[in-house]
Amino acid sequence: MNGKNMLKQATVLLLIAVLILSSGAIVANTTQNKSSASDDVLTQEHWVGYPNDPQTAKAETWVHYDDGVFETMVGSNTPPLFMAIRLTNDELATYDGLQFTQTAWYHVVSNETIPNHDYDAKIWIGNETKPITLLVNDTGLTAAGEGWMNHTLSVPVTIDASNDYWIVIKCYANPAQAFYDYPMPFDTNVASNISHKSKWWHNSLNHPETDFYEVATLNGAWVLRVAVEGEVEDTTPPVTTCAITGTNPVTI
């Protein structure tokens, strides 16, 4: 995907004054973006992975809810800001025993005076409401300039398909003051709006970092992905073909 094609000039400044928490801390800048990912297919019923996307040949499959295009940029006046996607056990059944190896998110430079952001990449086991057990906590990462930020996890996570997994990016403002800064990409395509899949956390009320909230105000999905590597076991029973020859009729 071409970052320049994913983002056009912001045309409307939307101040989300009342969210789930009735907080004015989160602000979003909406864009009118006509571009789309050429081969992406996404429905509300199916969670799918797209091979070779973002631009890397290493990962076998990238799994995500977004359609490859974001229409809204999100930031916080009280950083840090977390964005999270939750992968459920039924969706992960195909990948049981494989490994999460990388995360990727599209870093937006909405304010040219703030081209870089510090961020952490985290993976948790959790439930529908919140993350519970921290598995990966890679800190001190830098998103420099606009584009995909691919990060190889310090410790691969072997997928146990009986669990739900939370893929989380914690983004810090750089510098600390974050007014008019919107680094986090959100896809507002209706088809990407799968309930309880994309959530956020912000610091305005000083609540625990595991208290995530539905991004219901925006209705869509974070442009955030995780790579799965490994081979899916083939459980198809073997088939034996018999060739029968002869001059007499044979009934089987």
C-alpha atoms as a PDB file:
ATOM      1  CA  MET A   1       0.000   0.000   0.000  1.00  0.00           C
ATOM      2  CA  ASN A   2       1.199   3.474  -0.817  1.00  0.00           C
ATOM      3  CA  GLY A   3       1.068   5.746   2.204  1.00  0.00           C
ATOM      4  CA  LYS A   4       0.573   8.832   0.063  1.00  0.00           C
ATOM      5  CA  ASN A   5      -2.476   7.272  -1.531  1.00  0.00           C
ATOM      6  CA  MET A   6      -3.897   6.399   1.862  1.00  0.00           C
ATOM      7  CA  LEU A   7      -4.001   9.937   3.138  1.00  0.00           C
ATOM      8  CA  LYS A   8      -5.250  13.168   1.655  1.00  0.00           C
ATOM      9  CA  GLN A   9      -5.526  16.578   3.224  1.00  0.00           C
ATOM     10  CA  ALA A  10      -7.881  16.762   6.175  1.00  0.00           C
ATOM     11  CA  THR A  11     -11.067  18.561   5.290  1.00  0.00           C
ATOM     12  CA  VAL A  12     -13.079  18.395   8.472  1.00  0.00           C
ATOM     13  CA  LEU A  13     -11.867  18.769  12.049  1.00  0.00           C
ATOM     14  CA  LEU A  14     -14.047  16.707  14.315  1.00  0.00           C
ATOM     15  CA  LEU A  15     -13.760  17.280  18.055  1.00  0.00           C
ATOM     16  CA  ILE A  16     -15.295  14.265  19.714  1.00  0.00           C
ATOM     17  CA  ALA A  17     -16.452  15.923  22.921  1.00  0.00           C
ATOM     18  CA  VAL A  18     -18.672  13.124  24.146  1.00  0.00           C
ATOM     19  CA  LEU A  19     -17.484   9.541  23.867  1.00  0.00           C
ATOM     20  CA  ILE A  20     -18.274   6.485  25.894  1.00  0.00           C
ATOM     21  CA  LEU A  21     -16.616   8.196  28.859  1.00  0.00           C
ATOM     22  CA  SER A  22     -18.102  11.614  28.089  1.00  0.00           C
ATOM     23  CA  SER A  23     -14.534  12.850  27.882  1.00  0.00           C
ATOM     24  CA  GLY A  24     -13.121  15.628  25.743  1.00  0.00           C
ATOM     25  CA  ALA A  25      -9.643  14.141  25.723  1.00  0.00           C
ATOM     26  CA  ILE A  26      -9.875  12.280  22.433  1.00  0.00           C
ATOM     27  CA  VAL A  27      -9.956  14.244  19.222  1.00  0.00           C
ATOM     28  CA  ALA A  28     -10.105  13.035  15.661  1.00  0.00           C
ATOM     29  CA  ASN A  29      -9.360  14.518  12.294  1.00  0.00           C
ATOM     30  CA  THR A  30     -11.479  13.071   9.494  1.00  0.00           C
ATOM     31  CA  THR A  31     -10.385  12.825   5.887  1.00  0.00           C
ATOM     32  CA  GLN A  32     -12.164  12.128   2.632  1.00  0.00           C
ATOM     33  CA  ASN A  33     -10.104   9.289   1.179  1.00  0.00           C
ATOM     34  CA  LYS A  34     -11.209   7.706  -2.094  1.00  0.00           C
ATOM     35  CA  SER A  35      -8.386   5.188  -2.446  1.00  0.00           C
ATOM     36  CA  SER A  36      -8.695   1.537  -1.491  1.00  0.00           C
ATOM     37  CA  ALA A  37      -6.595  -1.578  -1.202  1.00  0.00           C
ATOM     38  CA  SER A  38      -6.873  -3.346  -4.537  1.00  0.00           C
ATOM     39  CA  ASP A  39      -7.422  -6.939  -3.458  1.00  0.00           C
ATOM     40  CA  ASP A  40      -8.848  -6.532   0.045  1.00  0.00           C
ATOM     41  CA  VAL A  41     -12.119  -8.259   0.853  1.00  0.00           C
ATOM     42  CA  LEU A  42     -13.709  -7.805   4.256  1.00  0.00           C
ATOM     43  CA  THR A  43     -17.165  -8.535   5.620  1.00  0.00           C
ATOM     44  CA  GLN A  44     -18.716  -8.259   9.052  1.00  0.00           C
ATOM     45  CA  GLU A  45     -18.959 -12.016   9.312  1.00  0.00           C
ATOM     46  CA  HIS A  46     -15.405 -12.984   8.432  1.00  0.00           C
ATOM     47  CA  TRP A  47     -12.036 -12.068   9.852  1.00  0.00           C
ATOM     48  CA  VAL A  48      -9.391 -12.611   7.219  1.00  0.00           C
ATOM     49  CA  GLY A  49      -5.656 -12.390   6.660  1.00  0.00           C
ATOM     50  CA  TYR A  50      -4.098 -10.805   3.623  1.00  0.00           C
ATOM     51  CA  PRO A  51      -0.864 -12.400   2.314  1.00  0.00           C
ATOM     52  CA  ASN A  52       2.166 -10.178   1.710  1.00  0.00           C
ATOM     53  CA  ASP A  53       0.611  -7.062   3.215  1.00  0.00           C
ATOM     54  CA  PRO A  54       2.025  -4.754   4.574  1.00  0.00           C
ATOM     55  CA  GLN A  55       5.064  -4.642   2.308  1.00  0.00           C
ATOM     56  CA  THR A  56       7.084  -7.597   3.533  1.00  0.00           C
ATOM     57  CA  ALA A  57       7.735 -11.081   2.215  1.00  0.00           C
ATOM     58  CA  LYS A  58       8.625 -12.566   5.595  1.00  0.00           C
ATOM     59  CA  ALA A  59       5.179 -13.067   7.058  1.00  0.00           C
ATOM     60  CA  GLU A  60       2.953 -15.791   5.693  1.00  0.00           C
ATOM     61  CA  THR A  61      -0.231 -14.050   6.723  1.00  0.00           C
ATOM     62  CA  TRP A  62      -1.212 -10.666   8.118  1.00  0.00           C
ATOM     63  CA  VAL A  63      -4.480 -10.752  10.035  1.00  0.00           C
ATOM     64  CA  HIS A  64      -6.585  -7.677  10.617  1.00  0.00           C
ATOM     65  CA  TYR A  65     -10.035  -6.101  10.505  1.00  0.00           C
ATOM     66  CA  ASP A  66      -9.298  -2.951   8.492  1.00  0.00           C
ATOM     67  CA  ASP A  67      -9.753  -2.715   4.731  1.00  0.00           C
ATOM     68  CA  GLY A  68      -6.426  -1.000   4.082  1.00  0.00           C
ATOM     69  CA  VAL A  69      -7.793   2.547   3.987  1.00  0.00           C
ATOM     70  CA  PHE A  70      -8.276   4.904   6.918  1.00  0.00           C
ATOM     71  CA  GLU A  71     -10.640   7.834   6.886  1.00  0.00           C
ATOM     72  CA  THR A  72     -10.020   9.137  10.409  1.00  0.00           C
ATOM     73  CA  MET A  73      -6.910  10.069  12.371  1.00  0.00           C
ATOM     74  CA  VAL A  74      -7.111   9.879  16.156  1.00  0.00           C
ATOM     75  CA  GLY A  75      -5.060  11.558  18.866  1.00  0.00           C
ATOM     76  CA  SER A  76      -5.271  12.522  22.522  1.00  0.00           C
ATOM     77  CA  ASN A  77      -4.610  15.716  24.436  1.00  0.00           C
ATOM     78  CA  THR A  78      -3.541  13.520  27.343  1.00  0.00           C
ATOM     79  CA  PRO A  79      -1.177  10.896  25.911  1.00  0.00           C
ATOM     80  CA  PRO A  80      -0.418   8.060  25.792  1.00  0.00           C
ATOM     81  CA  LEU A  81      -3.143   6.572  23.634  1.00  0.00           C
ATOM     82  CA  PHE A  82      -3.683   2.845  23.135  1.00  0.00           C
ATOM     83  CA  MET A  83      -5.300   1.208  20.117  1.00  0.00           C
ATOM     84  CA  ALA A  84      -6.174  -2.474  20.270  1.00  0.00           C
ATOM     85  CA  ILE A  85      -7.729  -5.209  18.178  1.00  0.00           C
ATOM     86  CA  ARG A  86      -9.099  -8.328  19.847  1.00  0.00           C
ATOM     87  CA  LEU A  87      -8.747 -11.676  18.068  1.00  0.00           C
ATOM     88  CA  THR A  88     -11.204 -14.266  19.334  1.00  0.00           C
ATOM     89  CA  ASN A  89     -10.637 -17.974  19.857  1.00  0.00           C
ATOM     90  CA  ASP A  90     -13.044 -19.019  17.103  1.00  0.00           C
ATOM     91  CA  GLU A  91     -11.248 -16.785  14.607  1.00  0.00           C
ATOM     92  CA  LEU A  92      -7.883 -18.213  15.646  1.00  0.00           C
ATOM     93  CA  ALA A  93      -8.859 -21.875  15.281  1.00  0.00           C
ATOM     94  CA  THR A  94      -7.152 -22.124  11.879  1.00  0.00           C
ATOM     95  CA  TYR A  95      -3.916 -20.755  13.358  1.00  0.00           C
ATOM     96  CA  ASP A  96      -3.753 -22.916  16.492  1.00  0.00           C
ATOM     97  CA  GLY A  97      -0.112 -23.786  17.212  1.00  0.00           C
ATOM     98  CA  LEU A  98       1.304 -21.152  14.842  1.00  0.00           C
ATOM     99  CA  GLN A  99       3.030 -17.987  16.064  1.00  0.00           C
ATOM    100  CA  PHE A 100       2.428 -14.267  16.179  1.00  0.00           C
ATOM    101  CA  THR A 101       5.756 -12.819  15.023  1.00  0.00           C
ATOM    102  CA  GLN A 102       5.218  -9.173  14.013  1.00  0.00           C
ATOM    103  CA  THR A 103       2.897  -6.249  14.459  1.00  0.00           C
ATOM    104  CA  ALA A 104       2.280  -3.457  11.964  1.00  0.00           C
ATOM    105  CA  TRP A 105       0.338  -0.213  12.091  1.00  0.00           C
ATOM    106  CA  TYR A 106       0.103   2.780   9.823  1.00  0.00           C
ATOM    107  CA  HIS A 107       1.717   5.830  11.441  1.00  0.00           C
ATOM    108  CA  VAL A 108       0.007   9.060  10.430  1.00  0.00           C
ATOM    109  CA  VAL A 109       1.869  12.368  10.335  1.00  0.00           C
ATOM    110  CA  SER A 110      -1.036  14.779  10.537  1.00  0.00           C
ATOM    111  CA  ASN A 111       1.064  17.560  12.039  1.00  0.00           C
ATOM    112  CA  GLU A 112       4.316  18.165  10.167  1.00  0.00           C
ATOM    113  CA  THR A 113       5.889  19.657  13.295  1.00  0.00           C
ATOM    114  CA  ILE A 114       5.443  16.271  15.035  1.00  0.00           C
ATOM    115  CA  PRO A 115       6.774  13.720  12.499  1.00  0.00           C
ATOM    116  CA  ASN A 116       7.841  11.070  15.034  1.00  0.00           C
ATOM    117  CA  HIS A 117       6.210   9.202  17.899  1.00  0.00           C
ATOM    118  CA  ASP A 118       7.443   6.757  20.503  1.00  0.00           C
ATOM    119  CA  TYR A 119       5.390   3.602  20.909  1.00  0.00           C
ATOM    120  CA  ASP A 120       5.200   0.208  22.601  1.00  0.00           C
ATOM    121  CA  ALA A 121       3.959  -3.042  21.042  1.00  0.00           C
ATOM    122  CA  LYS A 122       2.076  -5.384  23.356  1.00  0.00           C
ATOM    123  CA  ILE A 123       0.219  -8.680  23.136  1.00  0.00           C
ATOM    124  CA  TRP A 124      -2.114  -9.849  25.884  1.00  0.00           C
ATOM    125  CA  ILE A 125      -4.380 -12.791  26.581  1.00  0.00           C
ATOM    126  CA  GLY A 126      -7.757 -11.416  27.611  1.00  0.00           C
ATOM    127  CA  ASN A 127     -11.501 -11.626  27.354  1.00  0.00           C
ATOM    128  CA  GLU A 128     -14.162  -9.610  25.552  1.00  0.00           C
ATOM    129  CA  THR A 129     -13.862  -6.746  28.022  1.00  0.00           C
ATOM    130  CA  LYS A 130     -10.153  -6.264  28.625  1.00  0.00           C
ATOM    131  CA  PRO A 131      -6.617  -7.702  28.420  1.00  0.00           C
ATOM    132  CA  ILE A 132      -5.579  -9.825  31.401  1.00  0.00           C
ATOM    133  CA  THR A 133      -2.189 -11.532  30.959  1.00  0.00           C
ATOM    134  CA  LEU A 134       0.678  -9.628  29.321  1.00  0.00           C
ATOM    135  CA  LEU A 135       2.742 -11.842  26.981  1.00  0.00           C
ATOM    136  CA  VAL A 136       4.828  -9.305  25.021  1.00  0.00           C
ATOM    137  CA  ASN A 137       5.813  -5.800  26.096  1.00  0.00           C
ATOM    138  CA  ASP A 138       8.253  -4.306  23.582  1.00  0.00           C
ATOM    139  CA  THR A 139       8.950  -0.739  24.650  1.00  0.00           C
ATOM    140  CA  GLY A 140      10.964   2.224  23.406  1.00  0.00           C
ATOM    141  CA  LEU A 141      10.080   1.849  19.716  1.00  0.00           C
ATOM    142  CA  THR A 142      10.035   4.799  17.314  1.00  0.00           C
ATOM    143  CA  ALA A 143       7.606   5.604  14.530  1.00  0.00           C
ATOM    144  CA  ALA A 144       9.572   7.951  12.264  1.00  0.00           C
ATOM    145  CA  GLY A 145       7.741   9.590   9.392  1.00  0.00           C
ATOM    146  CA  GLU A 146       4.505   8.503   7.801  1.00  0.00           C
ATOM    147  CA  GLY A 147       4.009   4.901   6.721  1.00  0.00           C
ATOM    148  CA  TRP A 148       3.768   1.324   7.943  1.00  0.00           C
ATOM    149  CA  MET A 149       5.600   0.589  11.176  1.00  0.00           C
ATOM    150  CA  ASN A 150       6.556  -3.095  11.127  1.00  0.00           C
ATOM    151  CA  HIS A 151       7.967  -4.507  14.344  1.00  0.00           C
ATOM    152  CA  THR A 152       9.342  -8.014  14.905  1.00  0.00           C
ATOM    153  CA  LEU A 153       8.291  -9.195  18.354  1.00  0.00           C
ATOM    154  CA  SER A 154      11.071  -9.792  20.863  1.00  0.00           C
ATOM    155  CA  VAL A 155       9.386 -13.088  21.759  1.00  0.00           C
ATOM    156  CA  PRO A 156       7.117 -14.904  19.266  1.00  0.00           C
ATOM    157  CA  VAL A 157       3.772 -15.925  20.748  1.00  0.00           C
ATOM    158  CA  THR A 158       2.543 -19.462  20.098  1.00  0.00           C
ATOM    159  CA  ILE A 159      -1.181 -19.276  19.448  1.00  0.00           C
ATOM    160  CA  ASP A 160      -3.473 -21.245  21.735  1.00  0.00           C
ATOM    161  CA  ALA A 161      -6.797 -21.032  19.938  1.00  0.00           C
ATOM    162  CA  SER A 162      -8.708 -21.487  23.187  1.00  0.00           C
ATOM    163  CA  ASN A 163      -7.726 -17.911  24.110  1.00  0.00           C
ATOM    164  CA  ASP A 164      -8.619 -14.424  22.962  1.00  0.00           C
ATOM    165  CA  TYR A 165      -5.613 -12.220  22.134  1.00  0.00           C
ATOM    166  CA  TRP A 166      -5.329  -8.446  22.314  1.00  0.00           C
ATOM    167  CA  ILE A 167      -2.875  -6.815  19.889  1.00  0.00           C
ATOM    168  CA  VAL A 168      -2.030  -3.392  21.324  1.00  0.00           C
ATOM    169  CA  ILE A 169      -0.045  -0.331  20.269  1.00  0.00           C
ATOM    170  CA  LYS A 170       0.656   2.291  22.960  1.00  0.00           C
ATOM    171  CA  CYS A 171       1.539   5.580  21.287  1.00  0.00           C
ATOM    172  CA  TYR A 172       3.254   8.457  23.073  1.00  0.00           C
ATOM    173  CA  ALA A 173       3.244  12.012  21.859  1.00  0.00           C
ATOM    174  CA  ASN A 174       6.595  13.357  20.762  1.00  0.00           C
ATOM    175  CA  PRO A 175       6.919  16.039  22.069  1.00  0.00           C
ATOM    176  CA  ALA A 176       4.753  15.422  25.135  1.00  0.00           C
ATOM    177  CA  GLN A 177       2.180  18.076  24.253  1.00  0.00           C
ATOM    178  CA  ALA A 178      -0.176  16.474  21.758  1.00  0.00           C
ATOM    179  CA  PHE A 179      -2.719  19.111  20.762  1.00  0.00           C
ATOM    180  CA  TYR A 180      -3.552  18.942  17.043  1.00  0.00           C
ATOM    181  CA  ASP A 181      -1.655  15.686  16.655  1.00  0.00           C
ATOM    182  CA  TYR A 182      -3.453  12.626  15.255  1.00  0.00           C
ATOM    183  CA  PRO A 183      -1.032   9.707  14.754  1.00  0.00           C
ATOM    184  CA  MET A 184      -3.461   6.771  15.028  1.00  0.00           C
ATOM    185  CA  PRO A 185      -5.305   5.530  11.885  1.00  0.00           C
ATOM    186  CA  PHE A 186      -8.927   4.382  11.973  1.00  0.00           C
ATOM    187  CA  ASP A 187     -10.875   2.754   9.131  1.00  0.00           C
ATOM    188  CA  THR A 188     -14.517   3.858   9.234  1.00  0.00           C
ATOM    189  CA  ASN A 189     -15.722   1.505   6.506  1.00  0.00           C
ATOM    190  CA  VAL A 190     -19.048   0.080   7.700  1.00  0.00           C
ATOM    191  CA  ALA A 191     -17.944  -3.430   6.717  1.00  0.00           C
ATOM    192  CA  SER A 192     -14.968  -3.113   9.074  1.00  0.00           C
ATOM    193  CA  ASN A 193     -17.180  -2.282  12.047  1.00  0.00           C
ATOM    194  CA  ILE A 194     -17.201  -5.650  13.817  1.00  0.00           C
ATOM    195  CA  SER A 195     -18.497  -5.328  17.366  1.00  0.00           C
ATOM    196  CA  HIS A 196     -16.001  -5.648  20.221  1.00  0.00           C
ATOM    197  CA  LYS A 197     -12.997  -5.908  17.871  1.00  0.00           C
ATOM    198  CA  SER A 198     -11.387  -2.444  17.940  1.00  0.00           C
ATOM    199  CA  LYS A 199     -10.967  -0.659  21.259  1.00  0.00           C
ATOM    200  CA  TRP A 200      -8.998   2.179  22.786  1.00  0.00           C
ATOM    201  CA  TRP A 201      -7.662   3.607  26.022  1.00  0.00           C
ATOM    202  CA  HIS A 202      -6.648   7.146  26.839  1.00  0.00           C
ATOM    203  CA  ASN A 203      -5.276   8.827  29.929  1.00  0.00           C
ATOM    204  CA  SER A 204      -7.819  11.573  30.584  1.00  0.00           C
ATOM    205  CA  LEU A 205      -9.458   9.903  33.585  1.00  0.00           C
ATOM    206  CA  ASN A 206      -6.367   8.117  34.925  1.00  0.00           C
ATOM    207  CA  HIS A 207      -8.068   4.738  34.846  1.00  0.00           C
ATOM    208  CA  PRO A 208      -6.023   1.493  34.677  1.00  0.00           C
ATOM    209  CA  GLU A 209      -4.306   0.777  31.372  1.00  0.00           C
ATOM    210  CA  THR A 210      -6.248  -2.464  30.973  1.00  0.00           C
ATOM    211  CA  ASP A 211      -9.625  -0.683  30.984  1.00  0.00           C
ATOM    212  CA  PHE A 212     -10.263  -0.557  27.257  1.00  0.00           C
ATOM    213  CA  TYR A 213     -13.372   0.893  25.683  1.00  0.00           C
ATOM    214  CA  GLU A 214     -15.282   0.283  22.490  1.00  0.00           C
ATOM    215  CA  VAL A 215     -14.562   2.788  19.729  1.00  0.00           C
ATOM    216  CA  ALA A 216     -18.296   3.072  19.214  1.00  0.00           C
ATOM    217  CA  THR A 217     -18.214   6.745  18.292  1.00  0.00           C
ATOM    218  CA  LEU A 218     -16.177   6.030  15.164  1.00  0.00           C
ATOM    219  CA  ASN A 219     -17.582   2.628  14.103  1.00  0.00           C
ATOM    220  CA  GLY A 220     -14.860   0.785  12.220  1.00  0.00           C
ATOM    221  CA  ALA A 221     -11.426  -0.719  12.819  1.00  0.00           C
ATOM    222  CA  TRP A 222      -7.910   0.361  13.701  1.00  0.00           C
ATOM    223  CA  VAL A 223      -5.381   0.009  10.888  1.00  0.00           C
ATOM    224  CA  LEU A 224      -3.405  -2.399  13.044  1.00  0.00           C
ATOM    225  CA  ARG A 225      -2.249  -5.895  12.073  1.00  0.00           C
ATOM    226  CA  VAL A 226      -0.395  -8.930  13.367  1.00  0.00           C
ATOM    227  CA  ALA A 227       1.641 -11.462  11.393  1.00  0.00           C
ATOM    228  CA  VAL A 228       1.175 -15.211  11.771  1.00  0.00           C
ATOM    229  CA  GLU A 229       3.934 -17.570  10.681  1.00  0.00           C
ATOM    230  CA  GLY A 230       4.059 -21.326  10.415  1.00  0.00           C
ATOM    231  CA  GLU A 231       2.341 -24.061   8.460  1.00  0.00           C
ATOM    232  CA  VAL A 232      -1.252 -25.048   9.018  1.00  0.00           C
ATOM    233  CA  GLU A 233      -1.511 -28.810   9.547  1.00  0.00           C
ATOM    234  CA  ASP A 234      -3.308 -30.595   6.723  1.00  0.00           C
ATOM    235  CA  THR A 235      -6.030 -32.729   8.309  1.00  0.00           C
ATOM    236  CA  THR A 236      -7.465 -34.002   5.011  1.00  0.00           C
ATOM    237  CA  PRO A 237      -7.634 -37.842   5.045  1.00  0.00           C
ATOM    238  CA  PRO A 238      -5.395 -39.528   2.469  1.00  0.00           C
ATOM    239  CA  VAL A 239      -7.052 -40.694  -0.741  1.00  0.00           C
ATOM    240  CA  THR A 240      -5.986 -43.877  -2.528  1.00  0.00           C
ATOM    241  CA  THR A 241      -6.757 -44.288  -6.222  1.00  0.00           C
ATOM    242  CA  CYS A 242      -7.067 -47.817  -7.608  1.00  0.00           C
ATOM    243  CA  ALA A 243      -6.785 -48.597 -11.318  1.00  0.00           C
ATOM    244  CA  ILE A 244      -8.616 -51.790 -12.295  1.00  0.00           C
ATOM    245  CA  THR A 245      -7.730 -53.494 -15.563  1.00  0.00           C
ATOM    246  CA  GLY A 246      -9.005 -56.628 -17.261  1.00  0.00           C
ATOM    247  CA  THR A 247     -11.329 -57.957 -19.935  1.00  0.00           C
ATOM    248  CA  ASN A 248     -14.137 -59.107 -17.653  1.00  0.00           C
ATOM    249  CA  PRO A 249     -16.678 -56.762 -16.033  1.00  0.00           C
ATOM    250  CA  VAL A 250     -15.801 -55.945 -12.436  1.00  0.00           C
ATOM    251  CA  THR A 251     -18.323 -54.882  -9.814  1.00  0.00           C
ATOM    252  CA  ILE A 252     -17.049 -53.120  -6.704  1.00  0.00           C
END
